[in-house]
Amino acid sequence: MPEVVYKSAHPDVLAHWENTASTSAQRQWRETVEETIADLGFLGRRFATQGSTRVIGVEHPQDEDIPEGWRRDRSLPEAIVPALRTSAGRKIDARLATLTRPDPRKDLPGGMPEVGFDMRRFAYPGVAKHGDAVYVTWSIDPAVSDADKIDPAVWQRIKLSEYYAALEAEEAKTS
């Protein structure tokens, strides 16, 4: 449940949302990953991610030989990962490192932090588009440590009631 909510309809924020979180941006990322996995010789196989943002390996049956440059990892028994002790593995790893999933929380315009800290705990924001605006929700108040960084010309701190009203209006459109 959010404690603090910010809202923005700023063009830079909306463009950031479109480039990172929209269905088309996520679909493009998935297609790029699937093309790269196929190019590496694993057409149609699922990929393994770390934290859902970084591609680190590919699904590989236990009974098949492991190709050069790859190895098994105990934490991913159904997948293989690049063997970083080999030059082939380092090249594979470099290719996989380019496949980071777009994350709307990263590099938000207007100084909105990617992570907040309130002297007791760290918190990551929720980011969602409702109607014509992007909303950032926090379980803590990020202004405790980042007040001077959040640009009020880009982000407006809103009441929780305004946020819930926007959610209800969005839900009413789909009902």
N, C-alpha and C. Protein backbone atom coordinates (compact mmCIF):
# COMPACT_ATOMS: atom_id res chain seq x y z
N MET A 1 0.85 -1.18 0.00
CA MET A 1 0.00 0.00 0.00
C MET A 1 0.89 1.24 0.00
N PRO A 2 0.67 2.14 -0.93
CA PRO A 2 1.55 3.31 -1.01
C PRO A 2 1.36 4.27 0.16
N GLU A 3 2.46 4.91 0.50
CA GLU A 3 2.44 5.97 1.51
C GLU A 3 2.51 7.33 0.83
N VAL A 4 3.26 7.37 -0.29
CA VAL A 4 3.48 8.61 -1.01
C VAL A 4 3.29 8.34 -2.50
N VAL A 5 2.65 9.28 -3.21
CA VAL A 5 2.42 9.13 -4.65
C VAL A 5 2.79 10.43 -5.36
N TYR A 6 3.49 10.27 -6.47
CA TYR A 6 3.80 11.39 -7.36
C TYR A 6 3.14 11.12 -8.70
N LYS A 7 2.76 12.22 -9.37
CA LYS A 7 2.09 12.14 -10.66
C LYS A 7 2.79 13.06 -11.64
N SER A 8 2.87 12.61 -12.90
CA SER A 8 3.43 13.47 -13.94
C SER A 8 2.79 13.19 -15.29
N ALA A 9 2.49 14.28 -15.99
CA ALA A 9 2.05 14.19 -17.38
C ALA A 9 3.06 14.92 -18.26
N HIS A 10 4.25 15.12 -17.73
CA HIS A 10 5.32 15.82 -18.46
C HIS A 10 5.70 15.00 -19.70
N PRO A 11 5.93 15.64 -20.84
CA PRO A 11 6.27 14.90 -22.06
C PRO A 11 7.49 13.99 -21.93
N ASP A 12 8.50 14.41 -21.17
CA ASP A 12 9.68 13.57 -20.99
C ASP A 12 9.35 12.30 -20.21
N VAL A 13 8.49 12.41 -19.22
CA VAL A 13 8.08 11.26 -18.42
C VAL A 13 7.25 10.31 -19.27
N LEU A 14 6.32 10.85 -20.03
CA LEU A 14 5.48 10.01 -20.90
C LEU A 14 6.33 9.31 -21.96
N ALA A 15 7.33 10.00 -22.50
CA ALA A 15 8.23 9.37 -23.48
C ALA A 15 9.05 8.27 -22.82
N HIS A 16 9.52 8.53 -21.61
CA HIS A 16 10.27 7.50 -20.88
C HIS A 16 9.39 6.26 -20.67
N TRP A 17 8.15 6.46 -20.29
CA TRP A 17 7.22 5.34 -20.10
C TRP A 17 7.07 4.56 -21.41
N GLU A 18 6.86 5.28 -22.50
CA GLU A 18 6.66 4.62 -23.79
C GLU A 18 7.90 3.81 -24.20
N ASN A 19 9.09 4.33 -23.89
CA ASN A 19 10.34 3.66 -24.28
C ASN A 19 10.75 2.52 -23.37
N THR A 20 10.14 2.42 -22.18
CA THR A 20 10.57 1.38 -21.24
C THR A 20 9.47 0.42 -20.83
N ALA A 21 8.28 0.91 -20.57
CA ALA A 21 7.26 0.07 -19.96
C ALA A 21 6.09 -0.27 -20.86
N SER A 22 5.96 0.40 -21.97
CA SER A 22 4.81 0.12 -22.83
C SER A 22 4.88 -1.30 -23.36
N THR A 23 3.75 -1.78 -23.77
CA THR A 23 3.67 -3.13 -24.34
C THR A 23 4.61 -3.28 -25.52
N SER A 24 4.68 -2.25 -26.37
CA SER A 24 5.53 -2.34 -27.55
C SER A 24 7.02 -2.37 -27.17
N ALA A 25 7.42 -1.60 -26.15
CA ALA A 25 8.82 -1.61 -25.71
C ALA A 25 9.20 -2.96 -25.14
N GLN A 26 8.31 -3.54 -24.34
CA GLN A 26 8.58 -4.85 -23.74
C GLN A 26 8.57 -5.96 -24.80
N ARG A 27 7.67 -5.84 -25.78
CA ARG A 27 7.62 -6.82 -26.87
C ARG A 27 8.90 -6.76 -27.70
N GLN A 28 9.36 -5.54 -27.99
CA GLN A 28 10.60 -5.37 -28.75
C GLN A 28 11.78 -5.99 -28.01
N TRP A 29 11.85 -5.78 -26.69
CA TRP A 29 12.93 -6.37 -25.89
C TRP A 29 12.88 -7.89 -26.00
N ARG A 30 11.70 -8.46 -25.83
CA ARG A 30 11.56 -9.92 -25.88
C ARG A 30 11.96 -10.46 -27.25
N GLU A 31 11.55 -9.78 -28.32
CA GLU A 31 11.93 -10.21 -29.67
C GLU A 31 13.45 -10.15 -29.86
N THR A 32 14.08 -9.10 -29.34
CA THR A 32 15.54 -8.97 -29.44
C THR A 32 16.22 -10.11 -28.69
N VAL A 33 15.72 -10.44 -27.51
CA VAL A 33 16.29 -11.55 -26.73
C VAL A 33 16.13 -12.86 -27.49
N GLU A 34 14.93 -13.12 -28.01
CA GLU A 34 14.69 -14.36 -28.74
C GLU A 34 15.56 -14.46 -29.98
N GLU A 35 15.77 -13.34 -30.70
CA GLU A 35 16.65 -13.34 -31.87
C GLU A 35 18.09 -13.65 -31.47
N THR A 36 18.54 -13.06 -30.38
CA THR A 36 19.91 -13.30 -29.92
C THR A 36 20.08 -14.75 -29.47
N ILE A 37 19.13 -15.27 -28.73
CA ILE A 37 19.19 -16.67 -28.28
C ILE A 37 19.21 -17.61 -29.49
N ALA A 38 18.39 -17.32 -30.49
CA ALA A 38 18.38 -18.13 -31.71
C ALA A 38 19.72 -18.02 -32.43
N ASP A 39 20.27 -16.81 -32.50
CA ASP A 39 21.57 -16.59 -33.14
C ASP A 39 22.69 -17.36 -32.42
N LEU A 40 22.52 -17.55 -31.11
CA LEU A 40 23.51 -18.32 -30.35
C LEU A 40 23.31 -19.83 -30.50
N GLY A 41 22.28 -20.22 -31.26
CA GLY A 41 22.06 -21.64 -31.55
C GLY A 41 20.97 -22.29 -30.72
N PHE A 42 20.11 -21.51 -30.09
CA PHE A 42 19.08 -22.07 -29.22
C PHE A 42 17.68 -21.61 -29.63
N LEU A 43 17.35 -21.78 -30.88
CA LEU A 43 16.07 -21.34 -31.42
C LEU A 43 14.91 -21.93 -30.61
N GLY A 44 14.00 -21.06 -30.18
CA GLY A 44 12.80 -21.49 -29.48
C GLY A 44 12.98 -21.83 -28.02
N ARG A 45 14.15 -21.66 -27.49
CA ARG A 45 14.37 -21.98 -26.07
C ARG A 45 14.09 -20.76 -25.19
N ARG A 46 13.68 -21.05 -23.97
CA ARG A 46 13.44 -19.97 -23.01
C ARG A 46 14.78 -19.48 -22.47
N PHE A 47 14.79 -18.26 -22.03
CA PHE A 47 16.00 -17.66 -21.47
C PHE A 47 15.84 -17.51 -19.97
N ALA A 48 16.97 -17.47 -19.28
CA ALA A 48 16.99 -17.30 -17.83
C ALA A 48 17.41 -15.88 -17.52
N THR A 49 16.74 -15.27 -16.54
CA THR A 49 17.07 -13.91 -16.16
C THR A 49 17.47 -13.84 -14.70
N GLN A 50 18.15 -12.77 -14.38
CA GLN A 50 18.51 -12.47 -13.00
C GLN A 50 17.70 -11.24 -12.61
N GLY A 51 16.85 -11.39 -11.62
CA GLY A 51 16.04 -10.26 -11.21
C GLY A 51 15.07 -9.78 -12.27
N SER A 52 14.73 -10.58 -13.21
CA SER A 52 13.81 -10.30 -14.32
C SER A 52 14.28 -9.18 -15.25
N THR A 53 15.50 -8.70 -15.08
CA THR A 53 15.95 -7.62 -15.95
C THR A 53 17.17 -7.99 -16.79
N ARG A 54 18.01 -8.90 -16.32
CA ARG A 54 19.24 -9.22 -17.03
C ARG A 54 19.22 -10.67 -17.48
N VAL A 55 19.41 -10.89 -18.78
CA VAL A 55 19.46 -12.25 -19.33
C VAL A 55 20.82 -12.85 -18.97
N ILE A 56 20.79 -14.01 -18.31
CA ILE A 56 22.05 -14.63 -17.86
C ILE A 56 22.29 -16.02 -18.43
N GLY A 57 21.29 -16.60 -19.10
CA GLY A 57 21.48 -17.94 -19.62
C GLY A 57 20.33 -18.37 -20.49
N VAL A 58 20.36 -19.66 -20.83
CA VAL A 58 19.34 -20.21 -21.72
C VAL A 58 18.99 -21.63 -21.26
N GLU A 59 17.73 -21.96 -21.42
CA GLU A 59 17.24 -23.29 -21.09
C GLU A 59 18.03 -24.34 -21.88
N HIS A 60 18.40 -25.44 -21.20
CA HIS A 60 19.18 -26.48 -21.88
C HIS A 60 18.89 -27.82 -21.20
N PRO A 61 18.40 -28.81 -21.96
CA PRO A 61 18.10 -30.12 -21.36
C PRO A 61 19.33 -30.77 -20.72
N GLN A 62 19.09 -31.46 -19.63
CA GLN A 62 20.17 -32.12 -18.89
C GLN A 62 20.88 -33.18 -19.72
N ASP A 63 20.15 -33.83 -20.64
CA ASP A 63 20.74 -34.94 -21.39
C ASP A 63 21.49 -34.50 -22.66
N GLU A 64 21.54 -33.21 -22.94
CA GLU A 64 22.27 -32.72 -24.11
C GLU A 64 23.66 -32.23 -23.71
N ASP A 65 24.61 -32.37 -24.64
CA ASP A 65 25.96 -31.87 -24.40
C ASP A 65 25.92 -30.34 -24.28
N ILE A 66 26.85 -29.82 -23.52
CA ILE A 66 26.94 -28.38 -23.32
C ILE A 66 27.87 -27.81 -24.39
N PRO A 67 27.41 -26.83 -25.16
CA PRO A 67 28.24 -26.24 -26.21
C PRO A 67 29.44 -25.48 -25.63
N GLU A 68 30.43 -25.27 -26.48
CA GLU A 68 31.63 -24.51 -26.08
C GLU A 68 31.23 -23.11 -25.64
N GLY A 69 31.84 -22.66 -24.57
CA GLY A 69 31.59 -21.32 -24.06
C GLY A 69 30.47 -21.26 -23.03
N TRP A 70 29.85 -22.39 -22.75
CA TRP A 70 28.75 -22.45 -21.79
C TRP A 70 29.10 -23.41 -20.66
N ARG A 71 28.37 -23.32 -19.56
CA ARG A 71 28.54 -24.24 -18.43
C ARG A 71 27.23 -24.34 -17.67
N ARG A 72 27.13 -25.38 -16.86
CA ARG A 72 25.98 -25.53 -15.96
C ARG A 72 26.23 -24.68 -14.72
N ASP A 73 25.15 -24.19 -14.14
CA ASP A 73 25.22 -23.44 -12.89
C ASP A 73 24.28 -24.12 -11.91
N ARG A 74 24.78 -24.43 -10.71
CA ARG A 74 23.95 -25.14 -9.74
C ARG A 74 22.67 -24.40 -9.39
N SER A 75 22.69 -23.08 -9.45
CA SER A 75 21.49 -22.32 -9.10
C SER A 75 20.45 -22.33 -10.22
N LEU A 76 20.84 -22.75 -11.42
CA LEU A 76 19.93 -22.83 -12.57
C LEU A 76 20.04 -24.22 -13.20
N PRO A 77 19.51 -25.26 -12.57
CA PRO A 77 19.73 -26.63 -13.05
C PRO A 77 19.17 -26.91 -14.45
N GLU A 78 18.19 -26.16 -14.88
CA GLU A 78 17.58 -26.39 -16.20
C GLU A 78 18.16 -25.49 -17.28
N ALA A 79 19.21 -24.72 -16.94
CA ALA A 79 19.77 -23.76 -17.90
C ALA A 79 21.29 -23.83 -17.91
N ILE A 80 21.86 -23.21 -18.93
CA ILE A 80 23.31 -23.04 -19.00
C ILE A 80 23.60 -21.54 -19.04
N VAL A 81 24.79 -21.19 -18.57
CA VAL A 81 25.22 -19.79 -18.52
C VAL A 81 26.59 -19.70 -19.19
N PRO A 82 27.02 -18.51 -19.56
CA PRO A 82 28.35 -18.39 -20.18
C PRO A 82 29.45 -18.83 -19.23
N ALA A 83 30.44 -19.53 -19.79
CA ALA A 83 31.61 -19.97 -19.03
C ALA A 83 32.64 -18.84 -19.10
N LEU A 84 32.69 -18.02 -18.08
CA LEU A 84 33.50 -16.81 -18.10
C LEU A 84 35.01 -17.07 -18.07
N ARG A 85 35.41 -18.29 -17.83
CA ARG A 85 36.84 -18.61 -17.84
C ARG A 85 37.37 -18.86 -19.25
N THR A 86 36.45 -18.84 -20.23
CA THR A 86 36.86 -19.04 -21.62
C THR A 86 36.59 -17.78 -22.43
N SER A 87 37.34 -17.59 -23.50
CA SER A 87 37.11 -16.40 -24.32
C SER A 87 35.75 -16.49 -25.01
N ALA A 88 35.35 -17.70 -25.42
CA ALA A 88 34.03 -17.87 -26.04
C ALA A 88 32.93 -17.50 -25.04
N GLY A 89 33.08 -17.90 -23.80
CA GLY A 89 32.11 -17.58 -22.76
C GLY A 89 32.03 -16.09 -22.47
N ARG A 90 33.19 -15.43 -22.48
CA ARG A 90 33.20 -13.98 -22.25
C ARG A 90 32.50 -13.24 -23.40
N LYS A 91 32.67 -13.73 -24.63
CA LYS A 91 31.99 -13.12 -25.78
C LYS A 91 30.47 -13.32 -25.67
N ILE A 92 30.06 -14.51 -25.27
CA ILE A 92 28.63 -14.79 -25.08
C ILE A 92 28.08 -13.89 -23.99
N ASP A 93 28.80 -13.78 -22.89
CA ASP A 93 28.36 -12.95 -21.77
C ASP A 93 28.22 -11.49 -22.19
N ALA A 94 29.14 -11.01 -23.01
CA ALA A 94 29.06 -9.63 -23.49
C ALA A 94 27.79 -9.42 -24.32
N ARG A 95 27.43 -10.40 -25.12
CA ARG A 95 26.19 -10.29 -25.90
C ARG A 95 24.97 -10.31 -25.00
N LEU A 96 24.96 -11.19 -24.01
CA LEU A 96 23.82 -11.27 -23.10
C LEU A 96 23.70 -10.00 -22.26
N ALA A 97 24.83 -9.38 -21.95
CA ALA A 97 24.81 -8.15 -21.13
C ALA A 97 24.10 -7.00 -21.83
N THR A 98 23.98 -7.06 -23.14
CA THR A 98 23.28 -6.00 -23.89
C THR A 98 21.77 -6.19 -23.85
N LEU A 99 21.30 -7.28 -23.28
CA LEU A 99 19.88 -7.61 -23.32
C LEU A 99 19.13 -7.24 -22.04
N THR A 100 19.50 -6.16 -21.41
CA THR A 100 18.85 -5.73 -20.18
C THR A 100 17.44 -5.24 -20.47
N ARG A 101 16.49 -5.79 -19.75
CA ARG A 101 15.09 -5.41 -19.94
C ARG A 101 14.87 -3.95 -19.56
N PRO A 102 14.14 -3.21 -20.39
CA PRO A 102 13.84 -1.82 -20.06
C PRO A 102 13.04 -1.76 -18.75
N ASP A 103 13.46 -0.88 -17.85
CA ASP A 103 12.84 -0.76 -16.54
C ASP A 103 12.37 0.68 -16.36
N PRO A 104 11.06 0.90 -16.21
CA PRO A 104 10.57 2.27 -16.09
C PRO A 104 11.05 2.99 -14.83
N ARG A 105 11.55 2.26 -13.84
CA ARG A 105 12.04 2.90 -12.62
C ARG A 105 13.41 3.52 -12.81
N LYS A 106 14.15 3.05 -13.79
CA LYS A 106 15.50 3.56 -14.01
C LYS A 106 15.47 4.85 -14.84
N ASP A 107 16.25 5.80 -14.42
CA ASP A 107 16.45 7.05 -15.16
C ASP A 107 15.16 7.82 -15.43
N LEU A 108 14.25 7.81 -14.47
CA LEU A 108 13.04 8.61 -14.62
C LEU A 108 13.41 10.08 -14.71
N PRO A 109 12.84 10.82 -15.65
CA PRO A 109 13.12 12.26 -15.76
C PRO A 109 12.65 13.01 -14.51
N GLY A 110 13.21 14.17 -14.31
CA GLY A 110 12.76 15.03 -13.24
C GLY A 110 13.30 14.67 -11.87
N GLY A 111 14.37 13.90 -11.82
CA GLY A 111 15.01 13.61 -10.55
C GLY A 111 14.33 12.59 -9.67
N MET A 112 13.34 11.87 -10.20
CA MET A 112 12.68 10.84 -9.39
C MET A 112 13.69 9.72 -9.13
N PRO A 113 13.95 9.41 -7.86
CA PRO A 113 14.96 8.39 -7.57
C PRO A 113 14.50 6.98 -7.96
N GLU A 114 15.47 6.14 -8.23
CA GLU A 114 15.22 4.74 -8.56
C GLU A 114 15.01 3.92 -7.30
N VAL A 115 15.61 4.38 -6.22
CA VAL A 115 15.48 3.72 -4.93
C VAL A 115 15.44 4.80 -3.85
N GLY A 116 14.66 4.56 -2.82
CA GLY A 116 14.58 5.52 -1.73
C GLY A 116 15.08 4.88 -0.44
N PHE A 117 15.45 5.72 0.50
CA PHE A 117 15.92 5.26 1.80
C PHE A 117 15.44 6.23 2.86
N ASP A 118 14.81 5.73 3.90
CA ASP A 118 14.27 6.61 4.94
C ASP A 118 14.97 6.41 6.30
N MET A 119 16.23 6.08 6.28
CA MET A 119 17.06 5.88 7.47
C MET A 119 16.79 4.54 8.15
N ARG A 120 15.80 3.80 7.70
CA ARG A 120 15.52 2.48 8.26
C ARG A 120 15.53 1.39 7.21
N ARG A 121 15.12 1.73 5.99
CA ARG A 121 14.97 0.71 4.96
C ARG A 121 15.06 1.32 3.57
N PHE A 122 15.38 0.46 2.62
CA PHE A 122 15.38 0.83 1.22
C PHE A 122 14.02 0.49 0.63
N ALA A 123 13.61 1.23 -0.38
CA ALA A 123 12.35 0.95 -1.05
C ALA A 123 12.48 1.29 -2.53
N TYR A 124 11.82 0.50 -3.33
CA TYR A 124 11.77 0.73 -4.78
C TYR A 124 10.37 1.19 -5.14
N PRO A 125 10.25 2.12 -6.06
CA PRO A 125 8.93 2.64 -6.40
C PRO A 125 8.15 1.73 -7.33
N GLY A 126 6.85 1.87 -7.27
CA GLY A 126 5.99 1.30 -8.29
C GLY A 126 5.77 2.37 -9.34
N VAL A 127 5.77 2.00 -10.58
CA VAL A 127 5.57 2.97 -11.66
C VAL A 127 4.49 2.42 -12.58
N ALA A 128 3.46 3.22 -12.81
CA ALA A 128 2.36 2.78 -13.67
C ALA A 128 1.73 3.98 -14.36
N LYS A 129 1.20 3.72 -15.53
CA LYS A 129 0.49 4.77 -16.26
C LYS A 129 -1.00 4.53 -16.10
N HIS A 130 -1.70 5.57 -15.70
CA HIS A 130 -3.15 5.52 -15.59
C HIS A 130 -3.67 6.76 -16.31
N GLY A 131 -4.48 6.53 -17.30
CA GLY A 131 -4.99 7.65 -18.09
C GLY A 131 -3.86 8.33 -18.83
N ASP A 132 -3.75 9.64 -18.68
CA ASP A 132 -2.74 10.42 -19.39
C ASP A 132 -1.55 10.79 -18.52
N ALA A 133 -1.36 10.08 -17.42
CA ALA A 133 -0.26 10.43 -16.51
C ALA A 133 0.44 9.18 -16.00
N VAL A 134 1.68 9.38 -15.57
CA VAL A 134 2.47 8.33 -14.95
C VAL A 134 2.48 8.59 -13.45
N TYR A 135 2.25 7.54 -12.69
CA TYR A 135 2.21 7.62 -11.24
C TYR A 135 3.36 6.80 -10.67
N VAL A 136 4.03 7.38 -9.67
CA VAL A 136 5.10 6.68 -8.95
C VAL A 136 4.64 6.56 -7.51
N THR A 137 4.57 5.31 -7.03
CA THR A 137 4.12 5.06 -5.67
C THR A 137 5.29 4.58 -4.82
N TRP A 138 5.28 5.03 -3.56
CA TRP A 138 6.35 4.69 -2.62
C TRP A 138 5.76 4.17 -1.31
N SER A 139 6.42 3.18 -0.72
CA SER A 139 6.03 2.71 0.61
C SER A 139 6.71 3.53 1.69
N ILE A 140 7.64 4.39 1.30
CA ILE A 140 8.31 5.33 2.20
C ILE A 140 8.24 6.70 1.54
N ASP A 141 8.68 7.72 2.24
CA ASP A 141 8.72 9.05 1.65
C ASP A 141 10.12 9.29 1.09
N PRO A 142 10.30 9.26 -0.23
CA PRO A 142 11.64 9.45 -0.79
C PRO A 142 12.16 10.86 -0.58
N ALA A 143 11.27 11.78 -0.27
CA ALA A 143 11.68 13.17 -0.07
C ALA A 143 12.57 13.33 1.17
N VAL A 144 12.57 12.33 2.06
CA VAL A 144 13.42 12.40 3.24
C VAL A 144 14.88 12.56 2.83
N SER A 145 15.29 11.83 1.82
CA SER A 145 16.69 11.91 1.38
C SER A 145 16.85 12.56 0.01
N ASP A 146 15.78 12.69 -0.75
CA ASP A 146 15.89 13.16 -2.13
C ASP A 146 15.01 14.37 -2.44
N ALA A 147 14.62 15.13 -1.42
CA ALA A 147 13.69 16.24 -1.63
C ALA A 147 14.22 17.26 -2.63
N ASP A 148 15.51 17.53 -2.58
CA ASP A 148 16.06 18.55 -3.47
C ASP A 148 16.26 18.04 -4.89
N LYS A 149 16.08 16.74 -5.11
CA LYS A 149 16.32 16.16 -6.43
C LYS A 149 15.05 16.05 -7.27
N ILE A 150 13.88 15.89 -6.65
CA ILE A 150 12.63 15.71 -7.38
C ILE A 150 12.15 17.07 -7.87
N ASP A 151 12.11 17.23 -9.18
CA ASP A 151 11.74 18.51 -9.80
C ASP A 151 10.23 18.72 -9.74
N PRO A 152 9.77 19.74 -9.01
CA PRO A 152 8.32 19.99 -8.91
C PRO A 152 7.70 20.45 -10.23
N ALA A 153 8.51 20.85 -11.19
CA ALA A 153 7.98 21.20 -12.51
C ALA A 153 7.64 19.94 -13.31
N VAL A 154 8.18 18.80 -12.90
CA VAL A 154 7.95 17.53 -13.59
C VAL A 154 7.00 16.63 -12.79
N TRP A 155 7.20 16.57 -11.48
CA TRP A 155 6.44 15.67 -10.61
C TRP A 155 5.64 16.45 -9.59
N GLN A 156 4.39 16.08 -9.42
CA GLN A 156 3.55 16.67 -8.39
C GLN A 156 3.22 15.58 -7.37
N ARG A 157 3.51 15.88 -6.11
CA ARG A 157 3.11 14.96 -5.06
C ARG A 157 1.60 15.12 -4.88
N ILE A 158 0.88 14.01 -4.90
CA ILE A 158 -0.58 14.08 -4.82
C ILE A 158 -1.08 13.33 -3.59
N LYS A 159 -2.31 13.62 -3.23
CA LYS A 159 -2.96 12.93 -2.12
C LYS A 159 -3.27 11.50 -2.53
N LEU A 160 -3.28 10.60 -1.57
CA LEU A 160 -3.63 9.22 -1.86
C LEU A 160 -5.04 9.12 -2.43
N SER A 161 -5.94 9.96 -1.96
CA SER A 161 -7.32 9.93 -2.46
C SER A 161 -7.37 10.26 -3.95
N GLU A 162 -6.51 11.17 -4.42
CA GLU A 162 -6.45 11.50 -5.84
C GLU A 162 -5.93 10.31 -6.65
N TYR A 163 -4.95 9.63 -6.09
CA TYR A 163 -4.39 8.45 -6.75
C TYR A 163 -5.46 7.36 -6.87
N TYR A 164 -6.15 7.07 -5.77
CA TYR A 164 -7.18 6.03 -5.82
C TYR A 164 -8.35 6.42 -6.72
N ALA A 165 -8.65 7.69 -6.81
CA ALA A 165 -9.69 8.15 -7.73
C ALA A 165 -9.26 7.89 -9.18
N ALA A 166 -7.98 8.11 -9.49
CA ALA A 166 -7.47 7.83 -10.84
C ALA A 166 -7.55 6.33 -11.14
N LEU A 167 -7.24 5.49 -10.15
CA LEU A 167 -7.33 4.04 -10.34
C LEU A 167 -8.78 3.63 -10.59
N GLU A 168 -9.70 4.18 -9.81
CA GLU A 168 -11.11 3.85 -9.98
C GLU A 168 -11.63 4.31 -11.34
N ALA A 169 -11.20 5.49 -11.79
CA ALA A 169 -11.62 5.98 -13.11
C ALA A 169 -11.10 5.07 -14.21
N GLU A 170 -9.88 4.60 -14.07
CA GLU A 170 -9.29 3.69 -15.05
C GLU A 170 -10.05 2.35 -15.06
N GLU A 171 -10.36 1.87 -13.88
CA GLU A 171 -11.10 0.62 -13.77
C GLU A 171 -12.50 0.74 -14.36
N ALA A 172 -13.13 1.88 -14.16
CA ALA A 172 -14.48 2.11 -14.69
C ALA A 172 -14.49 2.09 -16.22
N LYS A 173 -13.40 2.51 -16.84
CA LYS A 173 -13.30 2.51 -18.31
C LYS A 173 -13.27 1.09 -18.86
N THR A 174 -12.66 0.17 -18.11
CA THR A 174 -12.49 -1.21 -18.59
C THR A 174 -13.65 -2.11 -18.19
N SER A 175 -14.51 -1.64 -17.30
CA SER A 175 -15.64 -2.48 -16.84
C SER A 175 -16.79 -2.45 -17.79
